[in-house]
Amino acid sequence: IGEAPRRTLYEVLGVPHTATPAQIKAAYYQQSFRFHPDRNAGSAAAAERFAAVSEAYRVLGSAALRRKYDLGALSREDVRGAPRPSGRAPAAPPPARAAATRGGPAPPPFDFDAFYRAHYGEQLEREQVLRARRERLRLCREEAAAQGRLRFLTDLTVGLVFVLVTSPCGFH
C-alpha cells in the first residue's frame, strides 16, 4: 500500500495555480476562519488543517516564495524565515516616534494653529472679509445717521430763527 499523494499548497487553499494574490488572500481568510482553533476547540483535525492553511498562505501569499515554490526550488529554510501570515503588511512605526526611538530629536509639539489654517484657511479668510465688510457698513450707517441728526438740528435751528425773526412778537 503506497502513501497518499501529497496535496499541493494550491489544493490546500482550494485555488487554481493561476490564482491572483487577492484570490489567494480571500481563500486563506475563508479557510483560516473556518478551521481556526478558537472556533474548533479541541479538534486536532481542525488545528492540523489550520496549520496547513497558514503554511500554504505563508508561501503563496509571498510573490518571491510563490515563484520558488512554482519552480520547485523552495526549501524548508525559506519557509521558516518567512513572516507569519497576518493579512496585512507589517506596519512601520510613525516617523516621529521612529526618530525618537533611534535617539533622534524629539518630535515637535502639534501645531494646532497650523492645522486649523491648513484645513480651514479659506473659510477663515472669507469670514474675515465678511467681518470687515460688515464693520465698514456699520460705520457708514453710523456716519449717515450722525449726518442726518446734524442736518435735522441745522434745519430745526434755521427754522426756529426764521420763525422768531418773522413773528410779530419777535425781536425787531
N, C-alpha and C. Protein backbone atom coordinates (compact mmCIF):
# COMPACT_ATOMS: atom_id res chain seq x y z
N ILE A 1 0.87 -1.17 0.00
CA ILE A 1 0.00 0.00 0.00
C ILE A 1 0.90 1.22 0.00
N GLY A 2 0.70 2.10 -0.98
CA GLY A 2 1.52 3.31 -1.11
C GLY A 2 0.94 4.45 -0.31
N GLU A 3 1.73 5.51 -0.19
CA GLU A 3 1.30 6.71 0.53
C GLU A 3 0.33 7.49 -0.34
N ALA A 4 -0.57 8.20 0.28
CA ALA A 4 -1.49 9.07 -0.45
C ALA A 4 -0.68 10.23 -1.02
N PRO A 5 -0.99 10.64 -2.24
CA PRO A 5 -0.22 11.76 -2.82
C PRO A 5 -0.40 13.02 -1.97
N ARG A 6 0.71 13.73 -1.83
CA ARG A 6 0.70 14.96 -1.02
C ARG A 6 -0.03 16.05 -1.79
N ARG A 7 -0.86 16.79 -1.09
CA ARG A 7 -1.63 17.87 -1.73
C ARG A 7 -0.72 19.07 -1.96
N THR A 8 -0.97 19.76 -3.04
CA THR A 8 -0.20 20.97 -3.29
C THR A 8 -0.74 22.09 -2.41
N LEU A 9 0.03 23.14 -2.27
CA LEU A 9 -0.41 24.28 -1.46
C LEU A 9 -1.63 24.94 -2.09
N TYR A 10 -1.71 24.90 -3.40
CA TYR A 10 -2.88 25.45 -4.08
C TYR A 10 -4.13 24.65 -3.71
N GLU A 11 -3.99 23.34 -3.62
CA GLU A 11 -5.12 22.49 -3.25
C GLU A 11 -5.52 22.73 -1.79
N VAL A 12 -4.53 22.96 -0.94
CA VAL A 12 -4.83 23.23 0.48
C VAL A 12 -5.72 24.45 0.59
N LEU A 13 -5.39 25.50 -0.19
CA LEU A 13 -6.20 26.72 -0.14
C LEU A 13 -7.44 26.63 -1.03
N GLY A 14 -7.46 25.65 -1.92
CA GLY A 14 -8.61 25.50 -2.81
C GLY A 14 -8.64 26.52 -3.92
N VAL A 15 -7.46 26.88 -4.44
CA VAL A 15 -7.37 27.85 -5.54
C VAL A 15 -6.58 27.22 -6.69
N PRO A 16 -6.80 27.69 -7.92
CA PRO A 16 -6.03 27.18 -9.05
C PRO A 16 -4.62 27.76 -9.06
N HIS A 17 -3.74 27.17 -9.85
CA HIS A 17 -2.35 27.66 -9.97
C HIS A 17 -2.31 29.08 -10.54
N THR A 18 -3.36 29.47 -11.22
CA THR A 18 -3.41 30.80 -11.85
C THR A 18 -4.06 31.85 -10.95
N ALA A 19 -4.30 31.50 -9.70
CA ALA A 19 -5.00 32.41 -8.78
C ALA A 19 -4.21 33.71 -8.59
N THR A 20 -4.95 34.80 -8.48
CA THR A 20 -4.33 36.10 -8.22
C THR A 20 -4.01 36.20 -6.72
N PRO A 21 -3.13 37.14 -6.34
CA PRO A 21 -2.85 37.34 -4.92
C PRO A 21 -4.13 37.62 -4.11
N ALA A 22 -5.07 38.36 -4.70
CA ALA A 22 -6.32 38.66 -4.00
C ALA A 22 -7.14 37.39 -3.78
N GLN A 23 -7.17 36.50 -4.77
CA GLN A 23 -7.90 35.24 -4.62
C GLN A 23 -7.26 34.35 -3.56
N ILE A 24 -5.93 34.34 -3.54
CA ILE A 24 -5.21 33.54 -2.54
C ILE A 24 -5.50 34.08 -1.15
N LYS A 25 -5.47 35.38 -1.01
CA LYS A 25 -5.73 36.00 0.29
C LYS A 25 -7.17 35.71 0.74
N ALA A 26 -8.12 35.82 -0.17
CA ALA A 26 -9.53 35.57 0.17
C ALA A 26 -9.72 34.11 0.59
N ALA A 27 -9.07 33.18 -0.13
CA ALA A 27 -9.17 31.76 0.22
C ALA A 27 -8.55 31.50 1.59
N TYR A 28 -7.43 32.16 1.85
CA TYR A 28 -6.78 31.99 3.16
C TYR A 28 -7.71 32.47 4.28
N TYR A 29 -8.30 33.65 4.11
CA TYR A 29 -9.20 34.17 5.13
C TYR A 29 -10.37 33.22 5.37
N GLN A 30 -10.94 32.74 4.29
CA GLN A 30 -12.08 31.84 4.41
C GLN A 30 -11.69 30.55 5.14
N GLN A 31 -10.58 29.94 4.72
CA GLN A 31 -10.14 28.67 5.32
C GLN A 31 -9.69 28.86 6.77
N SER A 32 -8.93 29.91 7.02
CA SER A 32 -8.44 30.12 8.38
C SER A 32 -9.58 30.42 9.34
N PHE A 33 -10.58 31.14 8.86
CA PHE A 33 -11.75 31.42 9.70
C PHE A 33 -12.48 30.11 10.01
N ARG A 34 -12.62 29.29 9.00
CA ARG A 34 -13.36 28.03 9.15
C ARG A 34 -12.67 27.05 10.10
N PHE A 35 -11.33 26.98 10.03
CA PHE A 35 -10.60 25.99 10.80
C PHE A 35 -9.83 26.56 11.99
N HIS A 36 -10.08 27.80 12.34
CA HIS A 36 -9.35 28.44 13.44
C HIS A 36 -9.58 27.67 14.74
N PRO A 37 -8.51 27.47 15.53
CA PRO A 37 -8.64 26.71 16.79
C PRO A 37 -9.66 27.31 17.76
N ASP A 38 -9.85 28.61 17.74
CA ASP A 38 -10.83 29.22 18.64
C ASP A 38 -12.26 28.80 18.27
N ARG A 39 -12.49 28.55 17.01
CA ARG A 39 -13.81 28.12 16.56
C ARG A 39 -13.99 26.61 16.69
N ASN A 40 -12.89 25.88 16.76
CA ASN A 40 -12.93 24.42 16.79
C ASN A 40 -12.13 23.90 17.98
N ALA A 41 -12.48 24.35 19.15
CA ALA A 41 -11.72 23.98 20.36
C ALA A 41 -11.68 22.47 20.54
N GLY A 42 -10.47 21.96 20.72
CA GLY A 42 -10.28 20.53 20.99
C GLY A 42 -10.22 19.65 19.75
N SER A 43 -10.39 20.21 18.56
CA SER A 43 -10.36 19.41 17.34
C SER A 43 -8.94 19.39 16.78
N ALA A 44 -8.32 18.23 16.86
CA ALA A 44 -6.95 18.09 16.34
C ALA A 44 -6.95 18.22 14.82
N ALA A 45 -7.99 17.73 14.16
CA ALA A 45 -8.07 17.81 12.70
C ALA A 45 -8.16 19.26 12.25
N ALA A 46 -8.97 20.05 12.95
CA ALA A 46 -9.11 21.47 12.59
C ALA A 46 -7.80 22.20 12.83
N ALA A 47 -7.11 21.89 13.94
CA ALA A 47 -5.83 22.54 14.23
C ALA A 47 -4.80 22.19 13.17
N GLU A 48 -4.80 20.93 12.73
CA GLU A 48 -3.87 20.49 11.69
C GLU A 48 -4.18 21.20 10.37
N ARG A 49 -5.46 21.30 10.05
CA ARG A 49 -5.86 21.96 8.80
C ARG A 49 -5.53 23.45 8.86
N PHE A 50 -5.73 24.06 10.01
CA PHE A 50 -5.41 25.48 10.17
C PHE A 50 -3.92 25.71 9.96
N ALA A 51 -3.08 24.83 10.50
CA ALA A 51 -1.63 24.95 10.32
C ALA A 51 -1.27 24.80 8.85
N ALA A 52 -1.90 23.87 8.15
CA ALA A 52 -1.62 23.66 6.73
C ALA A 52 -2.03 24.88 5.91
N VAL A 53 -3.20 25.44 6.23
CA VAL A 53 -3.70 26.63 5.52
C VAL A 53 -2.75 27.80 5.76
N SER A 54 -2.29 27.97 6.99
CA SER A 54 -1.38 29.07 7.33
C SER A 54 -0.06 28.93 6.57
N GLU A 55 0.47 27.71 6.52
CA GLU A 55 1.72 27.49 5.79
C GLU A 55 1.52 27.74 4.30
N ALA A 56 0.41 27.28 3.74
CA ALA A 56 0.14 27.49 2.32
C ALA A 56 0.09 28.99 2.02
N TYR A 57 -0.56 29.75 2.89
CA TYR A 57 -0.65 31.19 2.65
C TYR A 57 0.71 31.87 2.86
N ARG A 58 1.48 31.38 3.81
CA ARG A 58 2.81 31.94 4.05
C ARG A 58 3.64 31.86 2.77
N VAL A 59 3.51 30.77 2.04
CA VAL A 59 4.27 30.58 0.81
C VAL A 59 3.60 31.29 -0.36
N LEU A 60 2.32 31.01 -0.59
CA LEU A 60 1.65 31.55 -1.78
C LEU A 60 1.31 33.04 -1.64
N GLY A 61 1.26 33.54 -0.41
CA GLY A 61 0.99 34.96 -0.20
C GLY A 61 2.20 35.84 -0.44
N SER A 62 3.37 35.23 -0.57
CA SER A 62 4.60 35.99 -0.85
C SER A 62 4.98 35.74 -2.30
N ALA A 63 5.14 36.80 -3.08
CA ALA A 63 5.46 36.64 -4.50
C ALA A 63 6.77 35.88 -4.70
N ALA A 64 7.77 36.18 -3.88
CA ALA A 64 9.08 35.52 -4.03
C ALA A 64 8.99 34.04 -3.68
N LEU A 65 8.34 33.72 -2.56
CA LEU A 65 8.23 32.32 -2.16
C LEU A 65 7.34 31.54 -3.13
N ARG A 66 6.32 32.19 -3.64
CA ARG A 66 5.43 31.51 -4.61
C ARG A 66 6.21 31.15 -5.88
N ARG A 67 7.06 32.08 -6.34
CA ARG A 67 7.88 31.80 -7.52
C ARG A 67 8.78 30.59 -7.27
N LYS A 68 9.44 30.60 -6.10
CA LYS A 68 10.31 29.47 -5.77
C LYS A 68 9.52 28.17 -5.68
N TYR A 69 8.35 28.22 -5.08
CA TYR A 69 7.51 27.03 -4.94
C TYR A 69 7.10 26.50 -6.32
N ASP A 70 6.68 27.41 -7.20
CA ASP A 70 6.26 27.00 -8.54
C ASP A 70 7.41 26.39 -9.33
N LEU A 71 8.63 26.86 -9.07
CA LEU A 71 9.81 26.31 -9.77
C LEU A 71 10.32 25.05 -9.10
N GLY A 72 9.79 24.72 -7.93
CA GLY A 72 10.25 23.54 -7.20
C GLY A 72 11.55 23.77 -6.45
N ALA A 73 11.89 25.03 -6.22
CA ALA A 73 13.16 25.37 -5.59
C ALA A 73 12.98 25.87 -4.16
N LEU A 74 11.80 25.70 -3.58
CA LEU A 74 11.54 26.20 -2.24
C LEU A 74 12.10 25.24 -1.20
N SER A 75 12.84 25.77 -0.25
CA SER A 75 13.41 24.93 0.80
C SER A 75 12.68 25.18 2.12
N ARG A 76 12.89 24.29 3.08
CA ARG A 76 12.30 24.43 4.41
C ARG A 76 12.80 25.71 5.08
N GLU A 77 14.07 26.06 4.81
CA GLU A 77 14.65 27.28 5.39
C GLU A 77 13.93 28.52 4.88
N ASP A 78 13.58 28.52 3.59
CA ASP A 78 12.84 29.66 3.02
C ASP A 78 11.53 29.86 3.76
N VAL A 79 10.83 28.76 4.02
CA VAL A 79 9.53 28.83 4.68
C VAL A 79 9.70 29.24 6.14
N ARG A 80 10.72 28.73 6.81
CA ARG A 80 10.94 29.09 8.23
C ARG A 80 11.24 30.57 8.39
N GLY A 81 11.96 31.14 7.43
CA GLY A 81 12.33 32.56 7.54
C GLY A 81 11.23 33.51 7.11
N ALA A 82 10.16 32.98 6.50
CA ALA A 82 9.08 33.85 6.02
C ALA A 82 8.23 34.34 7.19
N PRO A 83 7.73 35.55 7.10
CA PRO A 83 6.87 36.06 8.18
C PRO A 83 5.55 35.29 8.22
N ARG A 84 4.97 35.21 9.40
CA ARG A 84 3.68 34.53 9.55
C ARG A 84 2.61 35.37 8.85
N PRO A 85 1.61 34.72 8.29
CA PRO A 85 0.56 35.49 7.61
C PRO A 85 -0.29 36.25 8.61
N SER A 86 -0.49 37.52 8.29
CA SER A 86 -1.37 38.32 9.14
C SER A 86 -2.44 38.98 8.31
N GLY A 87 -2.29 38.92 7.00
CA GLY A 87 -3.27 39.56 6.14
C GLY A 87 -2.93 40.99 5.81
N ARG A 88 -1.93 41.54 6.46
CA ARG A 88 -1.53 42.91 6.14
C ARG A 88 -0.03 43.03 6.27
N ALA A 89 0.49 44.04 5.60
CA ALA A 89 1.93 44.26 5.64
C ALA A 89 2.33 44.75 7.02
N PRO A 90 3.57 44.45 7.45
CA PRO A 90 3.98 44.94 8.76
C PRO A 90 3.99 46.45 8.77
N ALA A 91 3.45 47.01 9.82
CA ALA A 91 3.34 48.46 9.91
C ALA A 91 4.67 49.06 10.33
N ALA A 92 5.04 50.13 9.65
CA ALA A 92 6.26 50.86 10.02
C ALA A 92 5.89 51.80 11.16
N PRO A 93 6.82 52.04 12.08
CA PRO A 93 6.50 52.97 13.16
C PRO A 93 6.32 54.37 12.59
N PRO A 94 5.53 55.22 13.24
CA PRO A 94 5.37 56.58 12.75
C PRO A 94 6.73 57.27 12.70
N PRO A 95 6.96 58.14 11.72
CA PRO A 95 8.28 58.76 11.56
C PRO A 95 8.79 59.47 12.80
N ALA A 96 7.95 60.23 13.48
CA ALA A 96 8.42 60.97 14.65
C ALA A 96 8.84 60.01 15.75
N ARG A 97 8.05 58.98 15.98
CA ARG A 97 8.37 58.01 17.03
C ARG A 97 9.65 57.25 16.66
N ALA A 98 9.79 56.91 15.37
CA ALA A 98 10.98 56.17 14.95
C ALA A 98 12.23 56.99 15.20
N ALA A 99 12.18 58.31 14.93
CA ALA A 99 13.35 59.16 15.16
C ALA A 99 13.66 59.24 16.65
N ALA A 100 12.63 59.34 17.46
CA ALA A 100 12.85 59.45 18.90
C ALA A 100 13.41 58.16 19.47
N THR A 101 12.96 56.99 18.95
CA THR A 101 13.48 55.74 19.48
C THR A 101 14.90 55.48 19.03
N ARG A 102 15.33 56.11 17.94
CA ARG A 102 16.71 55.94 17.48
C ARG A 102 17.63 56.98 18.12
N GLY A 103 17.12 57.73 19.05
CA GLY A 103 17.95 58.73 19.71
C GLY A 103 17.95 60.06 18.97
N GLY A 104 17.06 60.22 18.01
CA GLY A 104 16.98 61.46 17.24
C GLY A 104 16.26 62.53 18.05
N PRO A 105 16.02 63.66 17.41
CA PRO A 105 15.35 64.76 18.12
C PRO A 105 13.91 64.37 18.46
N ALA A 106 13.43 64.93 19.53
CA ALA A 106 12.06 64.68 19.95
C ALA A 106 11.12 65.29 18.92
N PRO A 107 9.96 64.70 18.74
CA PRO A 107 9.03 65.25 17.76
C PRO A 107 8.54 66.62 18.19
N PRO A 108 8.31 67.52 17.22
CA PRO A 108 7.82 68.85 17.59
C PRO A 108 6.41 68.73 18.15
N PRO A 109 6.03 69.68 19.02
CA PRO A 109 4.65 69.64 19.54
C PRO A 109 3.68 69.90 18.39
N PHE A 110 2.49 69.41 18.53
CA PHE A 110 1.48 69.57 17.50
C PHE A 110 1.09 71.03 17.40
N ASP A 111 1.16 71.58 16.20
CA ASP A 111 0.81 72.98 15.96
C ASP A 111 -0.64 73.04 15.50
N PHE A 112 -1.55 73.23 16.46
CA PHE A 112 -2.97 73.25 16.15
C PHE A 112 -3.32 74.42 15.24
N ASP A 113 -2.67 75.56 15.44
CA ASP A 113 -2.98 76.73 14.60
C ASP A 113 -2.65 76.45 13.14
N ALA A 114 -1.50 75.82 12.89
CA ALA A 114 -1.13 75.49 11.51
C ALA A 114 -2.12 74.49 10.91
N PHE A 115 -2.51 73.51 11.71
CA PHE A 115 -3.50 72.53 11.25
C PHE A 115 -4.81 73.24 10.90
N TYR A 116 -5.26 74.11 11.77
CA TYR A 116 -6.53 74.80 11.56
C TYR A 116 -6.47 75.67 10.32
N ARG A 117 -5.34 76.40 10.15
CA ARG A 117 -5.18 77.24 8.96
C ARG A 117 -5.16 76.40 7.69
N ALA A 118 -4.48 75.26 7.74
CA ALA A 118 -4.38 74.41 6.56
C ALA A 118 -5.74 73.84 6.16
N HIS A 119 -6.56 73.52 7.13
CA HIS A 119 -7.84 72.89 6.82
C HIS A 119 -8.99 73.87 6.68
N TYR A 120 -8.89 75.02 7.36
CA TYR A 120 -9.99 75.96 7.36
C TYR A 120 -9.55 77.36 6.93
N GLY A 121 -8.39 77.47 6.29
CA GLY A 121 -7.83 78.77 5.92
C GLY A 121 -8.74 79.58 5.04
N GLU A 122 -9.30 78.97 3.99
CA GLU A 122 -10.17 79.72 3.08
C GLU A 122 -11.41 80.21 3.81
N GLN A 123 -11.97 79.37 4.64
CA GLN A 123 -13.15 79.76 5.40
C GLN A 123 -12.83 80.93 6.34
N LEU A 124 -11.66 80.86 6.98
CA LEU A 124 -11.25 81.95 7.87
C LEU A 124 -11.10 83.26 7.10
N GLU A 125 -10.49 83.18 5.91
CA GLU A 125 -10.31 84.39 5.10
C GLU A 125 -11.67 84.97 4.71
N ARG A 126 -12.60 84.10 4.27
CA ARG A 126 -13.94 84.59 3.90
C ARG A 126 -14.62 85.25 5.08
N GLU A 127 -14.50 84.65 6.26
CA GLU A 127 -15.12 85.23 7.45
C GLU A 127 -14.50 86.57 7.80
N GLN A 128 -13.18 86.70 7.63
CA GLN A 128 -12.51 87.97 7.91
C GLN A 128 -12.96 89.05 6.93
N VAL A 129 -13.09 88.69 5.65
CA VAL A 129 -13.56 89.65 4.65
C VAL A 129 -14.98 90.08 4.96
N LEU A 130 -15.85 89.11 5.29
CA LEU A 130 -17.23 89.45 5.63
C LEU A 130 -17.29 90.33 6.88
N ARG A 131 -16.47 90.02 7.88
CA ARG A 131 -16.45 90.80 9.11
C ARG A 131 -16.02 92.25 8.81
N ALA A 132 -14.98 92.41 7.98
CA ALA A 132 -14.50 93.75 7.63
C ALA A 132 -15.58 94.51 6.84
N ARG A 133 -16.27 93.82 5.93
CA ARG A 133 -17.33 94.45 5.12
C ARG A 133 -18.48 94.89 6.04
N ARG A 134 -18.86 94.06 7.00
CA ARG A 134 -19.93 94.41 7.94
C ARG A 134 -19.52 95.62 8.79
N GLU A 135 -18.26 95.66 9.20
CA GLU A 135 -17.78 96.78 10.01
C GLU A 135 -17.82 98.08 9.22
N ARG A 136 -17.37 98.02 7.94
CA ARG A 136 -17.42 99.23 7.10
C ARG A 136 -18.87 99.69 6.91
N LEU A 137 -19.78 98.76 6.69
CA LEU A 137 -21.19 99.09 6.52
C LEU A 137 -21.76 99.72 7.79
N ARG A 138 -21.40 99.18 8.94
CA ARG A 138 -21.86 99.73 10.21
C ARG A 138 -21.36 101.16 10.39
N LEU A 139 -20.07 101.38 10.07
CA LEU A 139 -19.50 102.72 10.21
C LEU A 139 -20.18 103.70 9.26
N CYS A 140 -20.47 103.26 8.04
CA CYS A 140 -21.16 104.13 7.08
C CYS A 140 -22.55 104.49 7.58
N ARG A 141 -23.25 103.51 8.12
CA ARG A 141 -24.60 103.77 8.65
C ARG A 141 -24.54 104.75 9.82
N GLU A 142 -23.56 104.56 10.71
CA GLU A 142 -23.43 105.48 11.85
C GLU A 142 -23.12 106.89 11.37
N GLU A 143 -22.26 106.99 10.37
CA GLU A 143 -21.90 108.31 9.83
C GLU A 143 -23.12 108.97 9.19
N ALA A 144 -23.88 108.16 8.43
CA ALA A 144 -25.08 108.69 7.78
C ALA A 144 -26.10 109.13 8.84
N ALA A 145 -26.23 108.35 9.89
CA ALA A 145 -27.17 108.71 10.96
C ALA A 145 -26.71 110.00 11.64
N ALA A 146 -25.41 110.11 11.88
CA ALA A 146 -24.89 111.32 12.52
C ALA A 146 -25.12 112.52 11.61
N GLN A 147 -24.87 112.37 10.31
CA GLN A 147 -25.10 113.48 9.38
C GLN A 147 -26.59 113.83 9.32
N GLY A 148 -27.44 112.81 9.39
CA GLY A 148 -28.89 113.06 9.38
C GLY A 148 -29.31 113.84 10.61
N ARG A 149 -28.75 113.48 11.78
CA ARG A 149 -29.09 114.22 13.00
C ARG A 149 -28.58 115.66 12.92
N LEU A 150 -27.39 115.82 12.38
CA LEU A 150 -26.81 117.17 12.24
C LEU A 150 -27.67 118.00 11.28
N ARG A 151 -28.09 117.40 10.17
CA ARG A 151 -28.93 118.10 9.21
C ARG A 151 -30.25 118.47 9.87
N PHE A 152 -30.82 117.58 10.66
CA PHE A 152 -32.07 117.84 11.35
C PHE A 152 -31.91 119.01 12.32
N LEU A 153 -30.82 118.99 13.10
CA LEU A 153 -30.61 120.08 14.06
C LEU A 153 -30.37 121.40 13.34
N THR A 154 -29.65 121.34 12.24
CA THR A 154 -29.40 122.56 11.47
C THR A 154 -30.71 123.10 10.92
N ASP A 155 -31.51 122.23 10.33
CA ASP A 155 -32.80 122.65 9.78
C ASP A 155 -33.70 123.20 10.88
N LEU A 156 -33.69 122.54 12.04
CA LEU A 156 -34.51 122.99 13.17
C LEU A 156 -34.07 124.37 13.64
N THR A 157 -32.76 124.55 13.73
CA THR A 157 -32.24 125.85 14.18
C THR A 157 -32.60 126.94 13.18
N VAL A 158 -32.40 126.66 11.89
CA VAL A 158 -32.74 127.64 10.86
C VAL A 158 -34.24 127.95 10.93
N GLY A 159 -35.03 126.92 11.10
CA GLY A 159 -36.49 127.12 11.18
C GLY A 159 -36.87 127.98 12.38
N LEU A 160 -36.27 127.71 13.53
CA LEU A 160 -36.58 128.50 14.72
C LEU A 160 -36.16 129.96 14.55
N VAL A 161 -34.99 130.15 13.97
CA VAL A 161 -34.52 131.52 13.73
C VAL A 161 -35.48 132.23 12.79
N PHE A 162 -35.90 131.54 11.74
CA PHE A 162 -36.82 132.13 10.77
C PHE A 162 -38.15 132.48 11.43
N VAL A 163 -38.64 131.57 12.28
CA VAL A 163 -39.91 131.80 12.95
C VAL A 163 -39.77 133.00 13.90
N LEU A 164 -38.69 133.04 14.61
CA LEU A 164 -38.51 134.13 15.56
C LEU A 164 -38.32 135.48 14.86
N VAL A 165 -37.66 135.47 13.74
CA VAL A 165 -37.39 136.71 13.02
C VAL A 165 -38.68 137.22 12.35
N THR A 166 -39.46 136.33 11.85
CA THR A 166 -40.64 136.77 11.11
C THR A 166 -41.90 136.87 11.99
N SER A 167 -41.84 136.49 13.21
CA SER A 167 -43.05 136.54 14.02
C SER A 167 -43.29 137.99 14.48
N PRO A 168 -44.59 138.36 14.65
CA PRO A 168 -44.92 139.73 15.05
C PRO A 168 -44.42 140.04 16.48
N CYS A 169 -44.28 139.03 17.29
CA CYS A 169 -43.83 139.26 18.64
C CYS A 169 -42.32 139.09 18.73
N GLY A 170 -41.71 138.85 17.61
CA GLY A 170 -40.29 138.56 17.62
C GLY A 170 -39.45 139.75 17.91
N PHE A 171 -38.20 139.57 17.80
CA PHE A 171 -37.22 140.62 18.11
C PHE A 171 -37.03 141.49 16.88
N HIS A 172 -37.35 142.84 16.93
CA HIS A 172 -37.09 143.77 15.86
C HIS A 172 -36.34 144.93 16.36
